[in-house]
Amino acid sequence: MVGVNISGTHPERSLEGEPGRRRARTRVRNDGMLRASTVACLAESGWDAFSARGVAERSGLSYGAVYTRFEHLDDLVAIVWSELLLPALRASLEAAVGSVLEDPDEDRFVEAMEAFAHPSDELLAAMELIQAGMVDPRVALFVRDDVRELFAGIVGVGPARSPIEATAAATCTFVAIGLLLLARRSWAAGVVLDGELRRYHRALVAPTEAIETPRDRVAEFLYLYRFDTEDERLERVLQATAMSVGELGYHGTTIARICRIAGVSSGFVMGRFSSKAELFQRVTREMWGRGMAAIGEFIAGCAEEVGPALAEALAWREYQSPSITKMVVLVNETGRLAGFDPAVAAYVEAHEREVFSRLSGAGVTPFLLSEYALGNGLPLVSYFVPDVRDLPYACVTETLVTSAPH
């Protein structure tokens, strides 16, 4: 005779229930380990080096354990993006913008922006996927629309906010994203931003009137791929490299494609460059240096005619032009590779240090870091939300320019 089972379960099944629960707990624990390992691998090694084997080794699980749970590795990354990375980025941006518009608080603003300057693995991994999605269709499938929606919602262009409020939100987003983009640079590690961030907060919570940015001036240097080599074929090769990387990214660009676009033989290219990496280095080194110098000249020239505040607003608008999309992708791809490739990092950081020293006489300063962050974040945000280009930026540049230390 079978006795009464006070638990309410069948006596023969009760022994099977605990092993089943243990297996379920193990599965949940292993899934959590895979997600955490995915975040760490993306943050430390980047998308290009990301692999199932790397995730398995970091998590302590077998290689097969990854594919037992996920048919495709992209499925794991897509889940990590939607469940961990996107929420982390959204929360951080909302905290920064909220401390400007919803409940102005200087200390909270500094704390929120410092989270971008010294980011968590979740923020680093999120930015890596955003940048990778600009050149890799696989990543773009699950990242691009989310990023558009996120940035558009944070800025609030349209009925959500007034043009002045949207401008303050956009400026805050530009600097935050720019700081995140530069967080891997070695020269940025020791810069104390507290005072500079407080200067930004004061400007953003008290904007001036909305003056329309003039539309009759163009920063021509942003639209041209010139290398002044005095060798027509080499010039075409460098231009083809810049255009191809700006469209397909570094890894999607091949020597064969460059030669086809430039109309030269592979022998011509390989006779001058030992590898695609060396060719890419030549292109980015020249464009990096010329671009940083040219924007200063553009602002100075405009300032003589329209004043420094409107000149700064003009530069912001030009950096958001839809006509320079390939240039934006090229710059972002260079910066992304600098975070993981020692060779790219070496020449990018060396040139940046040189420019900062020339500008300040003492290397990078908090002001220069914030300016550089703004210049990096601004075109990336507008890449996803082109409408921000039409905001009245002079309402914040007026205060930022007059309060600048230089």
Protein backbone atom coordinates (compact mmCIF):
# COMPACT_ATOMS: atom_id res chain seq x y z
CA MET A 1 0.00 0.00 0.00
CA VAL A 2 1.36 3.35 -1.04
CA GLY A 3 1.56 5.89 1.79
CA VAL A 4 0.41 9.46 1.69
CA ASN A 5 2.85 11.90 0.05
CA ILE A 6 2.35 15.18 1.91
CA SER A 7 4.40 17.10 -0.65
CA GLY A 8 1.71 16.55 -3.24
CA THR A 9 4.08 14.94 -5.73
CA HIS A 10 4.06 11.38 -6.97
CA PRO A 11 6.44 9.37 -4.73
CA GLU A 12 8.22 7.81 -7.68
CA ARG A 13 8.74 11.17 -9.37
CA SER A 14 10.09 12.97 -6.33
CA LEU A 15 13.48 11.34 -6.76
CA GLU A 16 13.61 12.48 -10.37
CA GLY A 17 12.60 16.04 -9.53
CA GLU A 18 15.74 17.03 -7.63
CA PRO A 19 18.18 15.92 -10.37
CA GLY A 20 16.02 17.81 -12.83
CA ARG A 21 16.16 20.93 -10.70
CA ARG A 22 19.92 20.57 -10.34
CA ARG A 23 20.27 20.31 -14.10
CA ALA A 24 18.10 23.41 -14.50
CA ARG A 25 20.20 25.33 -11.96
CA THR A 26 23.38 24.20 -13.71
CA ARG A 27 22.02 25.33 -17.05
CA VAL A 28 21.10 28.75 -15.66
CA ARG A 29 24.54 29.08 -14.06
CA ASN A 30 26.30 28.04 -17.27
CA ASP A 31 24.21 30.40 -19.37
CA GLY A 32 25.15 33.22 -17.01
CA MET A 33 28.81 32.28 -17.30
CA LEU A 34 28.59 32.30 -21.10
CA ARG A 35 26.98 35.74 -21.10
CA ALA A 36 29.57 37.16 -18.71
CA SER A 37 32.40 35.63 -20.75
CA THR A 38 30.95 37.07 -23.96
CA VAL A 39 30.92 40.56 -22.44
CA ALA A 40 34.51 40.20 -21.21
CA CYS A 41 35.80 38.84 -24.53
CA LEU A 42 34.19 41.64 -26.54
CA ALA A 43 35.50 44.27 -24.13
CA GLU A 44 39.05 42.93 -24.02
CA SER A 45 39.64 41.49 -27.51
CA GLY A 46 36.97 43.03 -29.75
CA TRP A 47 34.58 41.63 -32.31
CA ASP A 48 37.22 40.66 -34.88
CA ALA A 49 38.92 38.26 -32.44
CA PHE A 50 35.68 37.01 -30.88
CA SER A 51 35.23 33.23 -31.00
CA ALA A 52 33.32 30.37 -29.37
CA ARG A 53 36.60 28.91 -28.19
CA GLY A 54 37.53 32.14 -26.45
CA VAL A 55 34.16 32.31 -24.71
CA ALA A 56 34.40 28.67 -23.65
CA GLU A 57 37.93 29.03 -22.26
CA ARG A 58 37.04 32.13 -20.26
CA SER A 59 33.85 30.57 -18.87
CA GLY A 60 35.54 27.28 -18.00
CA LEU A 61 33.04 25.34 -20.10
CA SER A 62 33.70 23.07 -23.04
CA TYR A 63 33.77 24.31 -26.62
CA GLY A 64 30.72 22.20 -27.36
CA ALA A 65 28.82 23.75 -24.46
CA VAL A 66 28.51 26.99 -26.42
CA TYR A 67 26.94 25.32 -29.46
CA THR A 68 24.78 23.05 -27.31
CA ARG A 69 22.97 26.17 -26.16
CA PHE A 70 23.29 28.36 -29.25
CA GLU A 71 23.07 27.12 -32.81
CA HIS A 72 25.05 30.13 -34.03
CA LEU A 73 27.56 32.24 -32.10
CA ASP A 74 25.79 35.35 -33.35
CA ASP A 75 22.70 34.23 -31.41
CA LEU A 76 24.67 34.38 -28.16
CA VAL A 77 26.03 37.85 -28.98
CA ALA A 78 22.56 39.10 -29.96
CA ILE A 79 21.13 37.95 -26.62
CA VAL A 80 23.99 39.53 -24.69
CA TRP A 81 23.46 42.76 -26.64
CA SER A 82 19.72 42.95 -25.96
CA GLU A 83 19.76 41.70 -22.35
CA LEU A 84 22.98 43.22 -20.98
CA LEU A 85 24.77 45.71 -23.21
CA LEU A 86 21.96 47.83 -24.63
CA PRO A 87 20.27 48.25 -21.21
CA ALA A 88 23.60 49.26 -19.65
CA LEU A 89 24.24 51.87 -22.34
CA ARG A 90 20.69 53.19 -22.13
CA ALA A 91 20.81 53.51 -18.34
CA SER A 92 24.15 55.34 -18.45
CA LEU A 93 22.99 57.82 -21.11
CA GLU A 94 19.69 58.43 -19.34
CA ALA A 95 21.55 59.16 -16.12
CA ALA A 96 23.76 61.73 -17.83
CA VAL A 97 20.99 63.49 -19.76
CA GLY A 98 18.60 63.28 -16.80
CA SER A 99 21.08 65.15 -14.61
CA VAL A 100 20.94 68.00 -17.14
CA LEU A 101 17.29 68.21 -18.16
CA GLU A 102 15.05 66.35 -15.73
CA ASP A 103 16.66 66.95 -12.35
CA PRO A 104 19.75 69.14 -12.85
CA ASP A 105 22.52 68.04 -10.53
CA GLU A 106 26.16 68.84 -11.19
CA ASP A 107 27.56 66.05 -9.01
CA ARG A 108 25.34 63.42 -10.61
CA PHE A 109 26.32 64.67 -14.05
CA VAL A 110 30.03 64.30 -13.25
CA GLU A 111 29.44 60.82 -11.87
CA ALA A 112 27.41 59.78 -14.92
CA MET A 113 29.97 61.10 -17.40
CA GLU A 114 32.88 59.57 -15.50
CA ALA A 115 31.20 56.22 -16.14
CA PHE A 116 31.93 56.77 -19.84
CA ALA A 117 35.49 57.96 -19.26
CA HIS A 118 36.22 54.90 -17.09
CA PRO A 119 33.71 52.41 -18.47
CA SER A 120 32.58 48.99 -17.34
CA ASP A 121 33.07 45.97 -19.57
CA GLU A 122 29.38 46.24 -20.53
CA LEU A 123 29.85 49.75 -21.93
CA LEU A 124 33.09 48.84 -23.70
CA ALA A 125 31.48 45.76 -25.27
CA ALA A 126 28.42 47.78 -26.29
CA MET A 127 30.54 50.37 -28.07
CA GLU A 128 32.58 47.65 -29.78
CA LEU A 129 29.42 46.14 -31.25
CA ILE A 130 28.08 49.55 -32.29
CA GLN A 131 31.28 50.33 -34.20
CA ALA A 132 31.57 46.82 -35.62
CA GLY A 133 27.98 47.08 -36.82
CA MET A 134 28.95 50.04 -38.98
CA VAL A 135 31.04 47.74 -41.20
CA ASP A 136 29.87 44.18 -40.46
CA PRO A 137 26.38 43.22 -41.74
CA ARG A 138 26.15 40.36 -39.23
CA VAL A 139 26.40 42.73 -36.28
CA ALA A 140 24.29 45.40 -37.96
CA LEU A 141 21.33 42.99 -38.06
CA PHE A 142 20.82 43.06 -34.31
CA VAL A 143 22.50 46.35 -33.35
CA ARG A 144 21.80 49.12 -35.84
CA ASP A 145 18.05 49.64 -35.36
CA ASP A 146 18.41 49.46 -31.58
CA VAL A 147 21.11 52.14 -31.63
CA ARG A 148 19.05 54.42 -33.85
CA GLU A 149 16.09 54.08 -31.50
CA LEU A 150 18.27 54.60 -28.42
CA PHE A 151 20.03 57.74 -29.64
CA ALA A 152 16.85 59.24 -31.08
CA GLY A 153 15.03 58.64 -27.80
CA ILE A 154 17.82 60.02 -25.65
CA VAL A 155 18.17 63.20 -27.71
CA GLY A 156 14.43 63.62 -28.26
CA VAL A 157 14.53 65.41 -31.63
CA GLY A 158 10.97 66.36 -32.59
CA PRO A 159 7.91 66.70 -30.36
CA ALA A 160 9.56 65.00 -27.36
CA ARG A 161 11.68 68.06 -26.49
CA SER A 162 12.12 71.67 -27.55
CA PRO A 163 15.01 72.35 -29.95
CA ILE A 164 17.07 73.86 -27.11
CA GLU A 165 16.43 70.90 -24.80
CA ALA A 166 17.27 68.48 -27.61
CA THR A 167 20.49 70.39 -28.26
CA ALA A 168 21.55 70.06 -24.63
CA ALA A 169 20.68 66.34 -24.66
CA ALA A 170 22.55 65.82 -27.94
CA THR A 171 25.66 67.64 -26.67
CA CYS A 172 25.65 65.55 -23.52
CA THR A 173 25.35 62.39 -25.66
CA PHE A 174 28.16 63.47 -28.00
CA VAL A 175 30.62 63.94 -25.13
CA ALA A 176 29.56 60.75 -23.35
CA ILE A 177 29.92 58.59 -26.46
CA GLY A 178 33.19 60.33 -27.33
CA LEU A 179 34.65 59.61 -23.90
CA LEU A 180 33.65 55.97 -24.31
CA LEU A 181 35.31 55.86 -27.74
CA LEU A 182 38.54 57.24 -26.25
CA ALA A 183 38.51 55.18 -23.05
CA ARG A 184 41.08 52.70 -24.40
CA ARG A 185 43.64 55.41 -25.24
CA SER A 186 46.58 55.23 -22.87
CA TRP A 187 47.01 59.02 -22.79
CA ALA A 188 43.43 59.49 -21.51
CA ALA A 189 43.85 57.31 -18.42
CA GLY A 190 45.25 59.92 -16.03
CA VAL A 191 43.27 62.98 -17.11
CA VAL A 192 41.09 64.42 -14.31
CA LEU A 193 37.84 65.62 -15.89
CA ASP A 194 35.93 66.86 -12.85
CA GLY A 195 36.32 70.60 -13.48
CA GLU A 196 35.79 70.27 -17.24
CA LEU A 197 32.62 68.23 -16.79
CA ARG A 198 31.25 70.81 -14.36
CA ARG A 199 31.90 73.50 -16.98
CA TYR A 200 29.84 71.48 -19.47
CA HIS A 201 27.03 71.01 -16.99
CA ARG A 202 26.79 74.75 -16.35
CA ALA A 203 26.58 75.39 -20.09
CA LEU A 204 23.97 72.70 -20.72
CA VAL A 205 21.60 73.67 -17.92
CA ALA A 206 21.62 77.35 -18.94
CA PRO A 207 21.64 77.48 -22.78
CA THR A 208 21.27 80.77 -24.64
CA GLU A 209 18.68 81.58 -27.31
CA ALA A 210 18.29 79.31 -30.33
CA ILE A 211 20.15 80.99 -33.21
CA GLU A 212 20.09 79.16 -36.54
CA THR A 213 23.49 77.95 -37.70
CA PRO A 214 24.57 79.56 -41.01
CA ARG A 215 24.33 77.22 -44.00
CA ASP A 216 26.57 78.97 -46.51
CA ARG A 217 29.93 77.59 -45.35
CA VAL A 218 31.34 74.13 -46.03
CA ALA A 219 34.37 72.40 -44.51
CA GLU A 220 35.71 71.23 -47.85
CA PHE A 221 38.54 69.18 -46.34
CA LEU A 222 35.97 66.71 -44.94
CA TYR A 223 34.73 65.82 -48.41
CA LEU A 224 38.07 65.20 -50.11
CA TYR A 225 40.51 62.30 -50.12
CA ARG A 226 43.77 64.05 -51.01
CA PHE A 227 47.24 62.80 -50.19
CA ASP A 228 49.40 65.06 -52.39
CA THR A 229 51.81 62.26 -53.32
CA GLU A 230 52.82 63.72 -56.72
CA ASP A 231 52.31 60.18 -58.05
CA GLU A 232 48.94 59.80 -59.77
CA ARG A 233 48.72 56.02 -59.40
CA LEU A 234 49.76 56.06 -55.74
CA GLU A 235 47.25 58.83 -55.10
CA ARG A 236 44.49 56.64 -56.57
CA VAL A 237 45.57 53.70 -54.41
CA LEU A 238 45.44 55.74 -51.21
CA GLN A 239 42.06 57.22 -52.16
CA ALA A 240 40.70 53.76 -53.02
CA THR A 241 41.90 52.42 -49.67
CA ALA A 242 40.21 55.23 -47.76
CA MET A 243 36.93 54.78 -49.65
CA SER A 244 36.91 51.00 -49.31
CA VAL A 245 37.66 50.96 -45.57
CA GLY A 246 35.03 53.68 -45.13
CA GLU A 247 32.49 51.42 -46.77
CA LEU A 248 33.45 47.86 -45.79
CA GLY A 249 35.79 48.31 -42.86
CA TYR A 250 39.40 47.20 -42.58
CA HIS A 251 38.78 43.45 -42.63
CA GLY A 252 36.26 43.71 -45.46
CA THR A 253 38.75 45.57 -47.63
CA THR A 254 41.15 43.56 -49.78
CA ILE A 255 44.18 44.49 -51.83
CA ALA A 256 42.40 43.09 -54.89
CA ARG A 257 39.45 45.44 -54.37
CA ILE A 258 41.75 48.43 -53.83
CA CYS A 259 43.59 47.64 -57.05
CA ARG A 260 40.33 47.26 -58.96
CA ILE A 261 39.03 50.64 -57.76
CA ALA A 262 42.36 52.39 -58.34
CA GLY A 263 42.94 50.76 -61.72
CA VAL A 264 46.42 49.47 -60.87
CA SER A 265 48.03 46.05 -60.60
CA SER A 266 48.62 44.23 -57.33
CA GLY A 267 52.32 44.32 -58.17
CA PHE A 268 52.24 48.12 -58.10
CA VAL A 269 50.69 48.15 -54.62
CA MET A 270 52.80 45.37 -53.13
CA GLY A 271 55.91 46.95 -54.56
CA ARG A 272 55.31 49.95 -52.32
CA PHE A 273 53.58 48.41 -49.31
CA SER A 274 54.49 45.12 -47.67
CA SER A 275 50.94 44.49 -46.46
CA LYS A 276 47.40 45.82 -46.27
CA ALA A 277 48.21 46.91 -42.72
CA GLU A 278 51.06 49.12 -43.89
CA LEU A 279 48.87 50.65 -46.60
CA PHE A 280 46.09 51.30 -44.09
CA GLN A 281 48.60 52.88 -41.73
CA ARG A 282 49.79 55.28 -44.43
CA VAL A 283 46.22 56.33 -45.26
CA THR A 284 45.00 56.83 -41.71
CA ARG A 285 48.17 58.55 -40.50
CA GLU A 286 47.94 61.20 -43.21
CA MET A 287 44.18 61.71 -42.97
CA TRP A 288 44.25 61.74 -39.15
CA GLY A 289 46.83 64.49 -39.02
CA ARG A 290 45.42 66.63 -41.77
CA GLY A 291 41.88 66.41 -40.41
CA MET A 292 42.81 67.53 -36.90
CA ALA A 293 44.73 70.51 -38.23
CA ALA A 294 42.12 71.47 -40.83
CA ILE A 295 39.18 71.68 -38.45
CA GLY A 296 41.06 74.22 -36.34
CA GLU A 297 41.76 76.32 -39.43
CA PHE A 298 38.11 76.07 -40.50
CA ILE A 299 36.82 77.27 -37.12
CA ALA A 300 39.36 80.11 -36.99
CA GLY A 301 38.41 81.27 -40.49
CA CYS A 302 34.67 81.21 -39.76
CA ALA A 303 35.16 82.96 -36.41
CA GLU A 304 36.49 86.05 -38.17
CA GLU A 305 33.19 86.42 -40.03
CA VAL A 306 30.47 85.07 -37.72
CA GLY A 307 32.12 84.99 -34.29
CA PRO A 308 33.56 82.06 -32.34
CA ALA A 309 30.27 80.61 -31.03
CA LEU A 310 28.66 80.32 -34.46
CA ALA A 311 31.96 79.11 -35.92
CA GLU A 312 31.99 76.26 -33.40
CA ALA A 313 28.35 75.45 -34.21
CA LEU A 314 29.27 75.42 -37.91
CA ALA A 315 32.02 72.89 -37.28
CA TRP A 316 29.61 70.67 -35.36
CA ARG A 317 27.13 70.77 -38.22
CA GLU A 318 29.78 69.98 -40.82
CA TYR A 319 30.95 66.95 -38.84
CA GLN A 320 27.38 65.65 -39.12
CA SER A 321 27.05 65.99 -42.87
CA PRO A 322 25.56 62.86 -44.51
CA SER A 323 28.04 63.39 -47.35
CA ILE A 324 30.98 62.32 -45.16
CA THR A 325 29.60 58.93 -44.06
CA LYS A 326 32.58 57.02 -45.46
CA MET A 327 34.95 59.39 -43.69
CA VAL A 328 33.09 58.84 -40.41
CA VAL A 329 33.28 55.06 -40.81
CA LEU A 330 36.99 55.25 -41.69
CA VAL A 331 37.78 57.33 -38.59
CA ASN A 332 35.71 55.08 -36.34
CA GLU A 333 37.24 51.94 -37.79
CA THR A 334 40.71 53.35 -37.17
CA GLY A 335 39.82 54.22 -33.59
CA ARG A 336 38.26 50.80 -33.03
CA LEU A 337 41.34 48.97 -34.30
CA ALA A 338 43.54 51.19 -32.14
CA GLY A 339 41.85 49.64 -29.13
CA PHE A 340 43.07 46.14 -29.96
CA ASP A 341 45.91 46.34 -32.51
CA PRO A 342 49.20 47.53 -30.96
CA ALA A 343 50.56 48.71 -34.31
CA VAL A 344 47.50 50.87 -35.05
CA ALA A 345 47.41 52.13 -31.46
CA ALA A 346 51.07 53.12 -31.62
CA TYR A 347 50.81 55.48 -34.56
CA VAL A 348 47.35 56.80 -33.70
CA GLU A 349 48.30 57.64 -30.12
CA ALA A 350 51.70 59.03 -31.11
CA HIS A 351 50.08 61.45 -33.51
CA GLU A 352 47.39 62.43 -31.02
CA ARG A 353 50.00 63.14 -28.36
CA GLU A 354 51.93 65.25 -30.85
CA VAL A 355 48.86 67.32 -31.70
CA PHE A 356 47.94 67.80 -28.04
CA SER A 357 51.47 68.89 -27.19
CA ARG A 358 51.44 71.38 -30.03
CA LEU A 359 48.12 72.82 -28.87
CA SER A 360 48.78 72.99 -25.13
CA GLY A 361 52.55 72.83 -24.83
CA ALA A 362 52.13 70.17 -22.15
CA GLY A 363 50.26 67.25 -23.67
CA VAL A 364 46.60 66.41 -23.24
CA THR A 365 44.56 68.55 -20.84
CA PRO A 366 40.99 68.05 -19.55
CA PHE A 367 39.79 70.70 -22.01
CA LEU A 368 41.48 69.02 -24.98
CA LEU A 369 40.14 65.61 -23.97
CA SER A 370 36.58 66.93 -23.77
CA GLU A 371 36.95 68.69 -27.13
CA TYR A 372 38.38 65.58 -28.74
CA ALA A 373 35.65 63.43 -27.18
CA LEU A 374 33.00 65.77 -28.56
CA GLY A 375 34.59 65.62 -32.01
CA ASN A 376 34.56 61.81 -31.94
CA GLY A 377 31.10 61.31 -30.49
CA LEU A 378 29.31 63.91 -32.59
CA PRO A 379 29.68 62.24 -36.03
CA LEU A 380 28.98 58.78 -34.64
CA VAL A 381 25.66 59.79 -33.06
CA SER A 382 24.59 61.68 -36.18
CA TYR A 383 25.51 58.62 -38.29
CA PHE A 384 22.58 56.87 -36.61
CA VAL A 385 20.32 59.91 -36.11
CA PRO A 386 20.87 62.37 -38.99
CA ASP A 387 18.16 64.75 -37.71
CA VAL A 388 20.46 66.04 -34.97
CA ARG A 389 22.35 68.00 -37.62
CA ASP A 390 19.62 70.65 -37.71
CA LEU A 391 19.67 71.50 -34.00
CA PRO A 392 20.54 75.11 -32.99
CA TYR A 393 23.97 74.34 -31.54
CA ALA A 394 24.87 77.97 -30.94
CA CYS A 395 22.63 77.88 -27.85
CA VAL A 396 25.28 75.76 -26.11
CA THR A 397 28.43 76.73 -28.03
CA GLU A 398 28.03 80.35 -26.90
CA THR A 399 28.60 79.42 -23.26
CA LEU A 400 31.09 76.65 -23.99
CA VAL A 401 33.30 78.95 -26.09
CA THR A 402 33.24 81.85 -23.64
CA SER A 403 34.02 79.56 -20.67
CA ALA A 404 36.78 77.61 -22.43
CA PRO A 405 40.24 77.88 -20.81
CA HIS A 406 41.92 78.56 -24.18
